[in-house]
Amino acid sequence: MRPPPRGSRQPCGSALGLLALCLAAARALQGQGVSLYIPQAAINATVEEDILLSVDYSCHGVPTIEWKYTSSWGAQKLVEWRPGTQANISRSHQDRLCTFDNGSIQLFSVSVRDSGYYVITVTERLGGSQLGTIVLHVSEILYEDLHFVAVFLAFLAAVAALLISLMWVCNKCAYKFQRKRRHKLTESATEEIELQDVEC
């Protein structure tokens, strides 16, 4: 059997195969490097509530966690931190945001302007990363407005009832006063007629 000629492509083919295998392994490791779990992708809340944007991640090392906020009012970076270190929170949310080592954040006393898309990015040192999105919708508390209207209407009804009662009492008093006056006028007229009869 002859040895393969020098110009054979066999070593080149095995090198390409080895390179492809390494790239596939790197992709597999990168894809498995960070995993992100979001139990609730949409949250409905009312004004003044405290909201937990809950997530959980797993990765080989200590990742960098970043939350961004996007809405019709604009987009901004809320916070960035590495678990175990102090979080870099934006000025707008300095007193309204709390971070947790599992990647979750809590917003305190939300308003309608907090409605929007909250995007979390978990990035590993090796370059692997995962994105996740939570939609938050904050609405006004309608039942408080209805409660105010109901109390106001009850107050108006009570005032109306009081006025009607006072008018009824005034009417009765006026009627009695008129009866007494008529009676006195009748008595005085009768006395005058009697006096005229006596003088005659």
N, C-alpha and C. Protein backbone atom coordinates (compact mmCIF):
# COMPACT_ATOMS: atom_id res chain seq x y z
N MET A 1 0.85 -1.20 0.00
CA MET A 1 0.00 0.00 0.00
C MET A 1 0.88 1.24 0.00
N ARG A 2 0.55 2.17 -0.85
CA ARG A 2 1.34 3.40 -0.96
C ARG A 2 0.95 4.39 0.13
N PRO A 3 1.94 5.15 0.63
CA PRO A 3 1.58 6.24 1.56
C PRO A 3 0.87 7.35 0.79
N PRO A 4 -0.04 8.08 1.44
CA PRO A 4 -0.77 9.14 0.74
C PRO A 4 0.18 10.21 0.26
N PRO A 5 -0.06 10.75 -0.91
CA PRO A 5 0.80 11.80 -1.43
C PRO A 5 0.78 13.03 -0.55
N ARG A 6 1.81 13.88 -0.71
CA ARG A 6 1.94 15.07 0.15
C ARG A 6 0.78 16.04 -0.02
N GLY A 7 0.25 16.10 -1.18
CA GLY A 7 -0.83 17.06 -1.45
C GLY A 7 -2.19 16.56 -1.02
N SER A 8 -2.26 15.53 -0.20
CA SER A 8 -3.55 14.96 0.22
C SER A 8 -4.30 15.94 1.12
N ARG A 9 -5.64 15.91 1.04
CA ARG A 9 -6.48 16.83 1.82
C ARG A 9 -6.98 16.21 3.12
N GLN A 10 -6.50 15.06 3.46
CA GLN A 10 -6.99 14.37 4.63
C GLN A 10 -6.70 15.15 5.92
N PRO A 11 -5.45 15.65 6.17
CA PRO A 11 -5.19 16.40 7.40
C PRO A 11 -6.02 17.68 7.46
N CYS A 12 -6.20 18.34 6.34
CA CYS A 12 -6.99 19.58 6.29
C CYS A 12 -8.43 19.30 6.67
N GLY A 13 -8.98 18.19 6.17
CA GLY A 13 -10.36 17.83 6.49
C GLY A 13 -10.55 17.54 7.97
N SER A 14 -9.59 16.84 8.56
CA SER A 14 -9.71 16.54 9.99
C SER A 14 -9.54 17.81 10.82
N ALA A 15 -8.72 18.75 10.37
CA ALA A 15 -8.55 20.02 11.09
C ALA A 15 -9.84 20.83 11.03
N LEU A 16 -10.49 20.85 9.87
CA LEU A 16 -11.77 21.55 9.74
C LEU A 16 -12.84 20.89 10.61
N GLY A 17 -12.82 19.56 10.62
CA GLY A 17 -13.79 18.84 11.46
C GLY A 17 -13.58 19.15 12.93
N LEU A 18 -12.31 19.21 13.37
CA LEU A 18 -11.99 19.53 14.75
C LEU A 18 -12.41 20.95 15.09
N LEU A 19 -12.18 21.88 14.15
CA LEU A 19 -12.58 23.28 14.35
C LEU A 19 -14.10 23.40 14.46
N ALA A 20 -14.82 22.71 13.60
CA ALA A 20 -16.29 22.73 13.65
C ALA A 20 -16.79 22.15 14.97
N LEU A 21 -16.12 21.09 15.44
CA LEU A 21 -16.52 20.48 16.70
C LEU A 21 -16.29 21.45 17.87
N CYS A 22 -15.17 22.16 17.84
CA CYS A 22 -14.87 23.14 18.88
C CYS A 22 -15.88 24.29 18.88
N LEU A 23 -16.23 24.76 17.68
CA LEU A 23 -17.23 25.84 17.57
C LEU A 23 -18.59 25.39 18.08
N ALA A 24 -18.97 24.18 17.74
CA ALA A 24 -20.26 23.65 18.21
C ALA A 24 -20.27 23.51 19.72
N ALA A 25 -19.14 23.05 20.28
CA ALA A 25 -19.05 22.92 21.74
C ALA A 25 -19.11 24.29 22.41
N ALA A 26 -18.41 25.27 21.81
CA ALA A 26 -18.43 26.63 22.38
C ALA A 26 -19.83 27.22 22.35
N ARG A 27 -20.54 26.99 21.24
CA ARG A 27 -21.92 27.49 21.14
C ARG A 27 -22.83 26.81 22.16
N ALA A 28 -22.61 25.50 22.30
CA ALA A 28 -23.44 24.77 23.27
C ALA A 28 -23.17 25.27 24.68
N LEU A 29 -21.88 25.49 25.01
CA LEU A 29 -21.54 26.00 26.34
C LEU A 29 -22.08 27.40 26.54
N GLN A 30 -21.99 28.23 25.49
CA GLN A 30 -22.49 29.60 25.59
C GLN A 30 -24.00 29.61 25.78
N GLY A 31 -24.70 28.76 25.07
CA GLY A 31 -26.15 28.70 25.20
C GLY A 31 -26.58 28.18 26.55
N GLN A 32 -25.77 27.23 27.11
CA GLN A 32 -26.11 26.67 28.40
C GLN A 32 -25.51 27.47 29.54
N GLY A 33 -24.66 28.48 29.23
CA GLY A 33 -23.98 29.24 30.27
C GLY A 33 -24.94 30.03 31.14
N VAL A 34 -25.94 30.64 30.58
CA VAL A 34 -26.90 31.44 31.33
C VAL A 34 -28.30 30.98 30.99
N SER A 35 -29.07 30.72 32.02
CA SER A 35 -30.50 30.44 31.81
C SER A 35 -31.30 31.38 32.70
N LEU A 36 -32.44 31.82 32.19
CA LEU A 36 -33.26 32.81 32.88
C LEU A 36 -34.69 32.32 32.94
N TYR A 37 -35.29 32.43 34.13
CA TYR A 37 -36.67 31.99 34.33
C TYR A 37 -37.50 33.17 34.84
N ILE A 38 -38.61 33.45 34.16
CA ILE A 38 -39.53 34.53 34.56
C ILE A 38 -40.90 33.91 34.84
N PRO A 39 -41.28 33.80 36.12
CA PRO A 39 -42.56 33.14 36.44
C PRO A 39 -43.80 33.91 35.99
N GLN A 40 -43.72 35.23 35.94
CA GLN A 40 -44.88 36.05 35.56
C GLN A 40 -44.42 37.14 34.60
N ALA A 41 -44.77 36.96 33.32
CA ALA A 41 -44.30 37.89 32.29
C ALA A 41 -45.16 39.13 32.16
N ALA A 42 -46.36 39.14 32.74
CA ALA A 42 -47.25 40.31 32.70
C ALA A 42 -47.84 40.53 34.09
N ILE A 43 -47.77 41.76 34.56
CA ILE A 43 -48.24 42.10 35.91
C ILE A 43 -49.20 43.27 35.81
N ASN A 44 -50.37 43.13 36.43
CA ASN A 44 -51.34 44.23 36.54
C ASN A 44 -51.31 44.73 37.98
N ALA A 45 -51.23 46.03 38.13
CA ALA A 45 -51.15 46.62 39.47
C ALA A 45 -51.98 47.90 39.51
N THR A 46 -52.19 48.39 40.72
CA THR A 46 -52.88 49.66 40.90
C THR A 46 -51.92 50.65 41.55
N VAL A 47 -52.26 51.91 41.47
CA VAL A 47 -51.42 52.99 41.97
C VAL A 47 -51.12 52.79 43.46
N GLU A 48 -49.89 53.13 43.85
CA GLU A 48 -49.39 53.06 45.23
C GLU A 48 -49.06 51.64 45.70
N GLU A 49 -49.16 50.64 44.84
CA GLU A 49 -48.78 49.27 45.21
C GLU A 49 -47.27 49.10 45.17
N ASP A 50 -46.76 48.10 45.92
CA ASP A 50 -45.37 47.67 45.81
C ASP A 50 -45.34 46.42 44.94
N ILE A 51 -44.52 46.45 43.88
CA ILE A 51 -44.53 45.39 42.87
C ILE A 51 -43.18 44.67 42.85
N LEU A 52 -43.24 43.33 42.82
CA LEU A 52 -42.03 42.52 42.69
C LEU A 52 -41.93 42.00 41.26
N LEU A 53 -40.85 42.39 40.55
CA LEU A 53 -40.57 41.86 39.22
C LEU A 53 -39.65 40.66 39.45
N SER A 54 -40.28 39.49 39.50
CA SER A 54 -39.58 38.28 39.94
C SER A 54 -38.94 37.54 38.78
N VAL A 55 -37.65 37.19 38.94
CA VAL A 55 -36.92 36.37 37.97
C VAL A 55 -36.00 35.44 38.74
N ASP A 56 -35.42 34.49 38.02
CA ASP A 56 -34.40 33.62 38.59
C ASP A 56 -33.47 33.20 37.47
N TYR A 57 -32.19 33.12 37.77
CA TYR A 57 -31.22 32.77 36.73
C TYR A 57 -30.28 31.69 37.26
N SER A 58 -29.57 31.06 36.34
CA SER A 58 -28.48 30.15 36.72
C SER A 58 -27.37 30.30 35.69
N CYS A 59 -26.14 30.29 36.17
CA CYS A 59 -24.98 30.38 35.30
C CYS A 59 -23.76 29.83 36.04
N HIS A 60 -22.63 29.72 35.36
CA HIS A 60 -21.44 29.11 35.95
C HIS A 60 -20.72 30.07 36.90
N GLY A 61 -20.66 31.34 36.55
CA GLY A 61 -19.95 32.31 37.38
C GLY A 61 -20.89 33.32 38.00
N VAL A 62 -20.32 34.46 38.37
CA VAL A 62 -21.11 35.57 38.92
C VAL A 62 -21.42 36.53 37.78
N PRO A 63 -22.70 36.68 37.42
CA PRO A 63 -23.03 37.50 36.24
C PRO A 63 -23.22 38.97 36.59
N THR A 64 -23.38 39.76 35.55
CA THR A 64 -23.80 41.16 35.69
C THR A 64 -25.28 41.23 35.32
N ILE A 65 -26.06 41.84 36.20
CA ILE A 65 -27.51 41.93 36.00
C ILE A 65 -27.87 43.38 35.70
N GLU A 66 -28.66 43.58 34.68
CA GLU A 66 -29.07 44.93 34.29
C GLU A 66 -30.56 44.95 33.99
N TRP A 67 -31.25 45.96 34.51
CA TRP A 67 -32.66 46.17 34.21
C TRP A 67 -32.82 47.49 33.46
N LYS A 68 -33.59 47.46 32.39
CA LYS A 68 -33.94 48.68 31.64
C LYS A 68 -35.46 48.80 31.58
N TYR A 69 -35.90 50.03 31.41
CA TYR A 69 -37.34 50.32 31.38
C TYR A 69 -37.67 51.07 30.09
N THR A 70 -38.70 50.62 29.39
CA THR A 70 -39.12 51.26 28.14
C THR A 70 -40.63 51.47 28.18
N SER A 71 -41.06 52.70 27.83
CA SER A 71 -42.50 52.99 27.76
C SER A 71 -42.71 54.13 26.78
N SER A 72 -43.95 54.61 26.71
CA SER A 72 -44.26 55.72 25.81
C SER A 72 -43.59 57.01 26.28
N TRP A 73 -43.16 57.07 27.55
CA TRP A 73 -42.47 58.25 28.07
C TRP A 73 -40.97 58.20 27.80
N GLY A 74 -40.47 57.09 27.28
CA GLY A 74 -39.04 56.99 26.99
C GLY A 74 -38.43 55.71 27.53
N ALA A 75 -37.11 55.62 27.40
CA ALA A 75 -36.37 54.44 27.87
C ALA A 75 -35.25 54.89 28.79
N GLN A 76 -34.96 54.08 29.79
CA GLN A 76 -33.88 54.40 30.70
C GLN A 76 -33.35 53.14 31.38
N LYS A 77 -32.12 53.22 31.81
CA LYS A 77 -31.49 52.14 32.56
C LYS A 77 -31.84 52.35 34.03
N LEU A 78 -32.39 51.32 34.66
CA LEU A 78 -32.82 51.44 36.05
C LEU A 78 -31.71 51.08 37.03
N VAL A 79 -31.09 49.91 36.80
CA VAL A 79 -30.12 49.42 37.77
C VAL A 79 -29.18 48.42 37.11
N GLU A 80 -27.96 48.35 37.66
CA GLU A 80 -26.99 47.35 37.21
C GLU A 80 -26.17 46.93 38.44
N TRP A 81 -25.96 45.63 38.59
CA TRP A 81 -25.18 45.15 39.72
C TRP A 81 -24.72 43.71 39.49
N ARG A 82 -23.77 43.30 40.31
CA ARG A 82 -23.33 41.92 40.38
C ARG A 82 -23.75 41.39 41.74
N PRO A 83 -24.34 40.22 41.82
CA PRO A 83 -24.77 39.68 43.12
C PRO A 83 -23.64 39.72 44.14
N GLY A 84 -23.95 40.23 45.33
CA GLY A 84 -22.95 40.36 46.38
C GLY A 84 -22.30 41.72 46.43
N THR A 85 -22.58 42.59 45.44
CA THR A 85 -22.02 43.94 45.43
C THR A 85 -23.16 44.96 45.47
N GLN A 86 -22.78 46.21 45.71
CA GLN A 86 -23.79 47.26 45.78
C GLN A 86 -24.32 47.58 44.39
N ALA A 87 -25.63 47.77 44.30
CA ALA A 87 -26.27 48.04 43.01
C ALA A 87 -26.12 49.51 42.63
N ASN A 88 -25.96 49.74 41.34
CA ASN A 88 -25.89 51.09 40.79
C ASN A 88 -27.28 51.47 40.28
N ILE A 89 -28.06 52.14 41.13
CA ILE A 89 -29.46 52.45 40.83
C ILE A 89 -29.54 53.87 40.26
N SER A 90 -30.38 54.06 39.26
CA SER A 90 -30.55 55.38 38.65
C SER A 90 -31.16 56.36 39.65
N ARG A 91 -30.91 57.64 39.44
CA ARG A 91 -31.41 58.67 40.37
C ARG A 91 -32.93 58.67 40.46
N SER A 92 -33.59 58.43 39.33
CA SER A 92 -35.06 58.49 39.32
C SER A 92 -35.70 57.41 40.19
N HIS A 93 -34.95 56.32 40.45
CA HIS A 93 -35.50 55.21 41.23
C HIS A 93 -34.69 54.94 42.50
N GLN A 94 -33.90 55.91 42.93
CA GLN A 94 -32.99 55.71 44.05
C GLN A 94 -33.71 55.23 45.31
N ASP A 95 -34.85 55.82 45.63
CA ASP A 95 -35.58 55.46 46.85
C ASP A 95 -36.78 54.56 46.57
N ARG A 96 -36.92 54.10 45.34
CA ARG A 96 -38.11 53.33 44.98
C ARG A 96 -37.79 51.93 44.47
N LEU A 97 -36.53 51.51 44.54
CA LEU A 97 -36.15 50.24 43.94
C LEU A 97 -35.25 49.46 44.89
N CYS A 98 -35.51 48.16 44.96
CA CYS A 98 -34.71 47.26 45.80
C CYS A 98 -34.30 46.06 44.95
N THR A 99 -33.04 45.62 45.06
CA THR A 99 -32.54 44.49 44.26
C THR A 99 -32.38 43.24 45.12
N PHE A 100 -32.42 42.09 44.45
CA PHE A 100 -32.22 40.80 45.10
C PHE A 100 -31.16 40.02 44.33
N ASP A 101 -30.46 39.13 45.04
CA ASP A 101 -29.37 38.38 44.43
C ASP A 101 -29.81 37.45 43.30
N ASN A 102 -31.09 37.06 43.29
CA ASN A 102 -31.56 36.18 42.20
C ASN A 102 -31.93 36.95 40.93
N GLY A 103 -31.70 38.29 40.95
CA GLY A 103 -31.97 39.11 39.78
C GLY A 103 -33.28 39.87 39.84
N SER A 104 -34.12 39.56 40.80
CA SER A 104 -35.42 40.24 40.92
C SER A 104 -35.23 41.66 41.44
N ILE A 105 -36.20 42.51 41.13
CA ILE A 105 -36.23 43.86 41.69
C ILE A 105 -37.63 44.14 42.22
N GLN A 106 -37.71 45.04 43.18
CA GLN A 106 -39.00 45.46 43.72
C GLN A 106 -39.15 46.96 43.54
N LEU A 107 -40.32 47.37 43.04
CA LEU A 107 -40.65 48.79 42.88
C LEU A 107 -41.65 49.18 43.95
N PHE A 108 -41.38 50.28 44.63
CA PHE A 108 -42.26 50.73 45.70
C PHE A 108 -43.16 51.86 45.22
N SER A 109 -44.41 51.82 45.65
CA SER A 109 -45.38 52.89 45.40
C SER A 109 -45.43 53.28 43.92
N VAL A 110 -45.84 52.32 43.10
CA VAL A 110 -45.84 52.55 41.64
C VAL A 110 -46.93 53.56 41.25
N SER A 111 -46.71 54.21 40.11
CA SER A 111 -47.68 55.14 39.55
C SER A 111 -47.99 54.71 38.12
N VAL A 112 -48.91 55.42 37.48
CA VAL A 112 -49.29 55.10 36.11
C VAL A 112 -48.08 55.22 35.18
N ARG A 113 -47.18 56.14 35.48
CA ARG A 113 -45.98 56.34 34.64
C ARG A 113 -45.02 55.16 34.69
N ASP A 114 -45.20 54.27 35.67
CA ASP A 114 -44.35 53.08 35.76
C ASP A 114 -44.79 51.97 34.81
N SER A 115 -45.92 52.15 34.15
CA SER A 115 -46.38 51.15 33.18
C SER A 115 -45.39 51.07 32.01
N GLY A 116 -45.10 49.85 31.56
CA GLY A 116 -44.19 49.70 30.44
C GLY A 116 -43.51 48.35 30.42
N TYR A 117 -42.41 48.27 29.67
CA TYR A 117 -41.67 47.02 29.51
C TYR A 117 -40.38 47.09 30.34
N TYR A 118 -40.17 46.09 31.16
CA TYR A 118 -38.97 45.99 31.98
C TYR A 118 -38.12 44.84 31.44
N VAL A 119 -36.93 45.18 30.95
CA VAL A 119 -36.06 44.20 30.29
C VAL A 119 -34.86 43.91 31.18
N ILE A 120 -34.66 42.63 31.49
CA ILE A 120 -33.52 42.21 32.28
C ILE A 120 -32.50 41.54 31.37
N THR A 121 -31.23 41.86 31.57
CA THR A 121 -30.13 41.22 30.85
C THR A 121 -29.17 40.61 31.86
N VAL A 122 -28.97 39.31 31.77
CA VAL A 122 -28.01 38.61 32.63
C VAL A 122 -26.83 38.23 31.77
N THR A 123 -25.65 38.80 32.06
CA THR A 123 -24.45 38.59 31.24
C THR A 123 -23.37 37.90 32.07
N GLU A 124 -22.82 36.83 31.52
CA GLU A 124 -21.75 36.08 32.18
C GLU A 124 -20.40 36.60 31.71
N ARG A 125 -19.36 36.34 32.48
CA ARG A 125 -18.02 36.82 32.13
C ARG A 125 -17.54 36.29 30.79
N LEU A 126 -17.90 35.04 30.48
CA LEU A 126 -17.43 34.43 29.24
C LEU A 126 -18.14 34.99 28.01
N GLY A 127 -19.12 35.82 28.22
CA GLY A 127 -19.80 36.44 27.09
C GLY A 127 -21.21 35.96 26.86
N GLY A 128 -21.61 34.89 27.54
CA GLY A 128 -22.99 34.41 27.40
C GLY A 128 -23.97 35.35 28.08
N SER A 129 -25.13 35.53 27.50
CA SER A 129 -26.14 36.41 28.11
C SER A 129 -27.55 35.95 27.75
N GLN A 130 -28.49 36.37 28.58
CA GLN A 130 -29.90 36.06 28.34
C GLN A 130 -30.71 37.32 28.61
N LEU A 131 -31.75 37.51 27.80
CA LEU A 131 -32.68 38.63 27.97
C LEU A 131 -34.04 38.10 28.41
N GLY A 132 -34.74 38.92 29.17
CA GLY A 132 -36.11 38.60 29.56
C GLY A 132 -36.91 39.88 29.70
N THR A 133 -38.21 39.80 29.49
CA THR A 133 -39.06 40.99 29.54
C THR A 133 -40.28 40.74 30.43
N ILE A 134 -40.60 41.73 31.25
CA ILE A 134 -41.83 41.71 32.05
C ILE A 134 -42.62 42.97 31.70
N VAL A 135 -43.90 42.79 31.42
CA VAL A 135 -44.78 43.92 31.10
C VAL A 135 -45.56 44.30 32.35
N LEU A 136 -45.47 45.56 32.73
CA LEU A 136 -46.19 46.05 33.91
C LEU A 136 -47.25 47.06 33.47
N HIS A 137 -48.48 46.85 33.94
CA HIS A 137 -49.57 47.80 33.66
C HIS A 137 -50.11 48.30 34.99
N VAL A 138 -50.01 49.61 35.21
CA VAL A 138 -50.48 50.23 36.45
C VAL A 138 -51.71 51.07 36.13
N SER A 139 -52.80 50.84 36.86
CA SER A 139 -54.04 51.57 36.61
C SER A 139 -54.46 52.35 37.85
N GLU A 140 -55.30 53.35 37.62
CA GLU A 140 -55.83 54.16 38.73
C GLU A 140 -56.78 53.31 39.57
N ILE A 141 -56.95 53.70 40.83
CA ILE A 141 -57.87 52.99 41.72
C ILE A 141 -59.26 53.58 41.52
N LEU A 142 -60.08 52.90 40.73
CA LEU A 142 -61.39 53.44 40.38
C LEU A 142 -62.36 53.41 41.55
N TYR A 143 -62.25 52.38 42.40
CA TYR A 143 -63.25 52.26 43.46
C TYR A 143 -63.15 53.40 44.46
N GLU A 144 -61.99 54.02 44.63
CA GLU A 144 -61.88 55.16 45.53
C GLU A 144 -62.64 56.36 44.96
N ASP A 145 -62.57 56.55 43.64
CA ASP A 145 -63.33 57.63 43.02
C ASP A 145 -64.82 57.38 43.17
N LEU A 146 -65.24 56.14 42.96
CA LEU A 146 -66.66 55.80 43.12
C LEU A 146 -67.09 55.97 44.57
N HIS A 147 -66.21 55.62 45.50
CA HIS A 147 -66.51 55.79 46.92
C HIS A 147 -66.72 57.28 47.24
N PHE A 148 -65.85 58.12 46.70
CA PHE A 148 -65.98 59.56 46.92
C PHE A 148 -67.30 60.08 46.36
N VAL A 149 -67.65 59.63 45.14
CA VAL A 149 -68.92 60.06 44.52
C VAL A 149 -70.10 59.60 45.35
N ALA A 150 -70.05 58.36 45.84
CA ALA A 150 -71.16 57.83 46.64
C ALA A 150 -71.32 58.62 47.94
N VAL A 151 -70.21 58.94 48.60
CA VAL A 151 -70.26 59.72 49.84
C VAL A 151 -70.80 61.12 49.55
N PHE A 152 -70.35 61.72 48.45
CA PHE A 152 -70.82 63.07 48.10
C PHE A 152 -72.32 63.07 47.82
N LEU A 153 -72.80 62.05 47.09
CA LEU A 153 -74.23 61.96 46.80
C LEU A 153 -75.04 61.73 48.07
N ALA A 154 -74.52 60.91 48.98
CA ALA A 154 -75.22 60.68 50.26
C ALA A 154 -75.29 61.97 51.06
N PHE A 155 -74.20 62.75 51.02
CA PHE A 155 -74.19 64.04 51.72
C PHE A 155 -75.23 64.98 51.14
N LEU A 156 -75.29 65.05 49.80
CA LEU A 156 -76.29 65.91 49.14
C LEU A 156 -77.71 65.45 49.48
N ALA A 157 -77.94 64.14 49.52
CA ALA A 157 -79.27 63.62 49.85
C ALA A 157 -79.65 64.00 51.29
N ALA A 158 -78.68 63.92 52.21
CA ALA A 158 -78.95 64.28 53.61
C ALA A 158 -79.28 65.76 53.73
N VAL A 159 -78.51 66.60 53.01
CA VAL A 159 -78.78 68.05 53.04
C VAL A 159 -80.15 68.34 52.45
N ALA A 160 -80.50 67.66 51.35
CA ALA A 160 -81.82 67.87 50.73
C ALA A 160 -82.94 67.45 51.68
N ALA A 161 -82.77 66.32 52.35
CA ALA A 161 -83.79 65.86 53.31
C ALA A 161 -83.94 66.85 54.46
N LEU A 162 -82.82 67.39 54.94
CA LEU A 162 -82.88 68.37 56.03
C LEU A 162 -83.60 69.64 55.58
N LEU A 163 -83.29 70.10 54.37
CA LEU A 163 -83.96 71.31 53.85
C LEU A 163 -85.45 71.08 53.68
N ILE A 164 -85.82 69.90 53.16
CA ILE A 164 -87.25 69.58 52.99
C ILE A 164 -87.96 69.56 54.35
N SER A 165 -87.29 68.98 55.37
CA SER A 165 -87.89 68.94 56.72
C SER A 165 -88.06 70.35 57.27
N LEU A 166 -87.05 71.20 57.10
CA LEU A 166 -87.16 72.58 57.58
C LEU A 166 -88.27 73.33 56.86
N MET A 167 -88.39 73.12 55.54
CA MET A 167 -89.48 73.77 54.79
C MET A 167 -90.83 73.30 55.29
N TRP A 168 -90.94 72.01 55.60
CA TRP A 168 -92.22 71.47 56.09
C TRP A 168 -92.57 72.09 57.45
N VAL A 169 -91.56 72.19 58.32
CA VAL A 169 -91.79 72.79 59.65
C VAL A 169 -92.17 74.26 59.50
N CYS A 170 -91.45 74.99 58.64
CA CYS A 170 -91.76 76.41 58.41
C CYS A 170 -93.18 76.58 57.85
N ASN A 171 -93.54 75.70 56.94
CA ASN A 171 -94.89 75.76 56.36
C ASN A 171 -95.97 75.53 57.42
N LYS A 172 -95.72 74.54 58.32
CA LYS A 172 -96.68 74.28 59.40
C LYS A 172 -96.80 75.48 60.33
N CYS A 173 -95.65 76.07 60.67
CA CYS A 173 -95.66 77.24 61.56
C CYS A 173 -96.39 78.42 60.90
N ALA A 174 -96.14 78.62 59.62
CA ALA A 174 -96.80 79.71 58.91
C ALA A 174 -98.31 79.47 58.85
N TYR A 175 -98.68 78.23 58.63
CA TYR A 175 -100.11 77.90 58.57
C TYR A 175 -100.79 78.16 59.92
N LYS A 176 -100.14 77.77 61.03
CA LYS A 176 -100.70 78.00 62.36
C LYS A 176 -100.78 79.50 62.66
N PHE A 177 -99.73 80.22 62.27
CA PHE A 177 -99.71 81.67 62.49
C PHE A 177 -100.86 82.33 61.74
N GLN A 178 -101.09 81.91 60.49
CA GLN A 178 -102.17 82.48 59.69
C GLN A 178 -103.53 82.14 60.30
N ARG A 179 -103.69 80.91 60.81
CA ARG A 179 -104.97 80.54 61.44
C ARG A 179 -105.24 81.39 62.68
N LYS A 180 -104.19 81.61 63.50
CA LYS A 180 -104.36 82.43 64.70
C LYS A 180 -104.70 83.86 64.32
N ARG A 181 -104.06 84.37 63.29
CA ARG A 181 -104.31 85.73 62.87
C ARG A 181 -105.74 85.88 62.35
N ARG A 182 -106.16 84.90 61.54
CA ARG A 182 -107.54 84.94 61.05
C ARG A 182 -108.53 84.88 62.21
N HIS A 183 -108.21 84.02 63.19
CA HIS A 183 -109.11 83.89 64.34
C HIS A 183 -109.19 85.22 65.11
N LYS A 184 -108.04 85.88 65.28
CA LYS A 184 -108.04 87.16 65.98
C LYS A 184 -108.80 88.21 65.19
N LEU A 185 -108.58 88.21 63.86
CA LEU A 185 -109.30 89.17 63.02
C LEU A 185 -110.80 88.93 63.10
N THR A 186 -111.18 87.66 63.08
CA THR A 186 -112.62 87.32 63.18
C THR A 186 -113.18 87.77 64.52
N GLU A 187 -112.43 87.53 65.62
CA GLU A 187 -112.89 87.94 66.95
C GLU A 187 -113.03 89.47 67.03
N SER A 188 -112.01 90.17 66.49
CA SER A 188 -112.07 91.63 66.55
C SER A 188 -113.23 92.17 65.71
N ALA A 189 -113.49 91.54 64.56
CA ALA A 189 -114.61 91.95 63.72
C ALA A 189 -115.92 91.69 64.44
N THR A 190 -116.01 90.57 65.12
CA THR A 190 -117.23 90.23 65.87
C THR A 190 -117.44 91.22 67.01
N GLU A 191 -116.36 91.59 67.72
CA GLU A 191 -116.47 92.56 68.80
C GLU A 191 -116.93 93.92 68.27
N GLU A 192 -116.43 94.35 67.14
CA GLU A 192 -116.84 95.63 66.56
C GLU A 192 -118.33 95.61 66.21
N ILE A 193 -118.76 94.48 65.61
CA ILE A 193 -120.19 94.38 65.26
C ILE A 193 -121.04 94.43 66.51
N GLU A 194 -120.59 93.74 67.60
CA GLU A 194 -121.35 93.75 68.85
C GLU A 194 -121.40 95.16 69.44
N LEU A 195 -120.23 95.87 69.38
CA LEU A 195 -120.21 97.22 69.91
C LEU A 195 -121.13 98.13 69.11
N GLN A 196 -121.18 97.99 67.80
CA GLN A 196 -122.06 98.80 66.98
C GLN A 196 -123.52 98.50 67.33
N ASP A 197 -123.83 97.22 67.57
CA ASP A 197 -125.19 96.85 67.93
C ASP A 197 -125.58 97.47 69.28
N VAL A 198 -124.59 97.48 70.22
CA VAL A 198 -124.85 98.03 71.55
C VAL A 198 -125.08 99.53 71.47
N GLU A 199 -124.26 100.22 70.67
CA GLU A 199 -124.41 101.68 70.53
C GLU A 199 -125.73 102.04 69.89
N CYS A 200 -126.17 101.24 69.00
CA CYS A 200 -127.43 101.51 68.36
C CYS A 200 -128.54 101.32 69.39
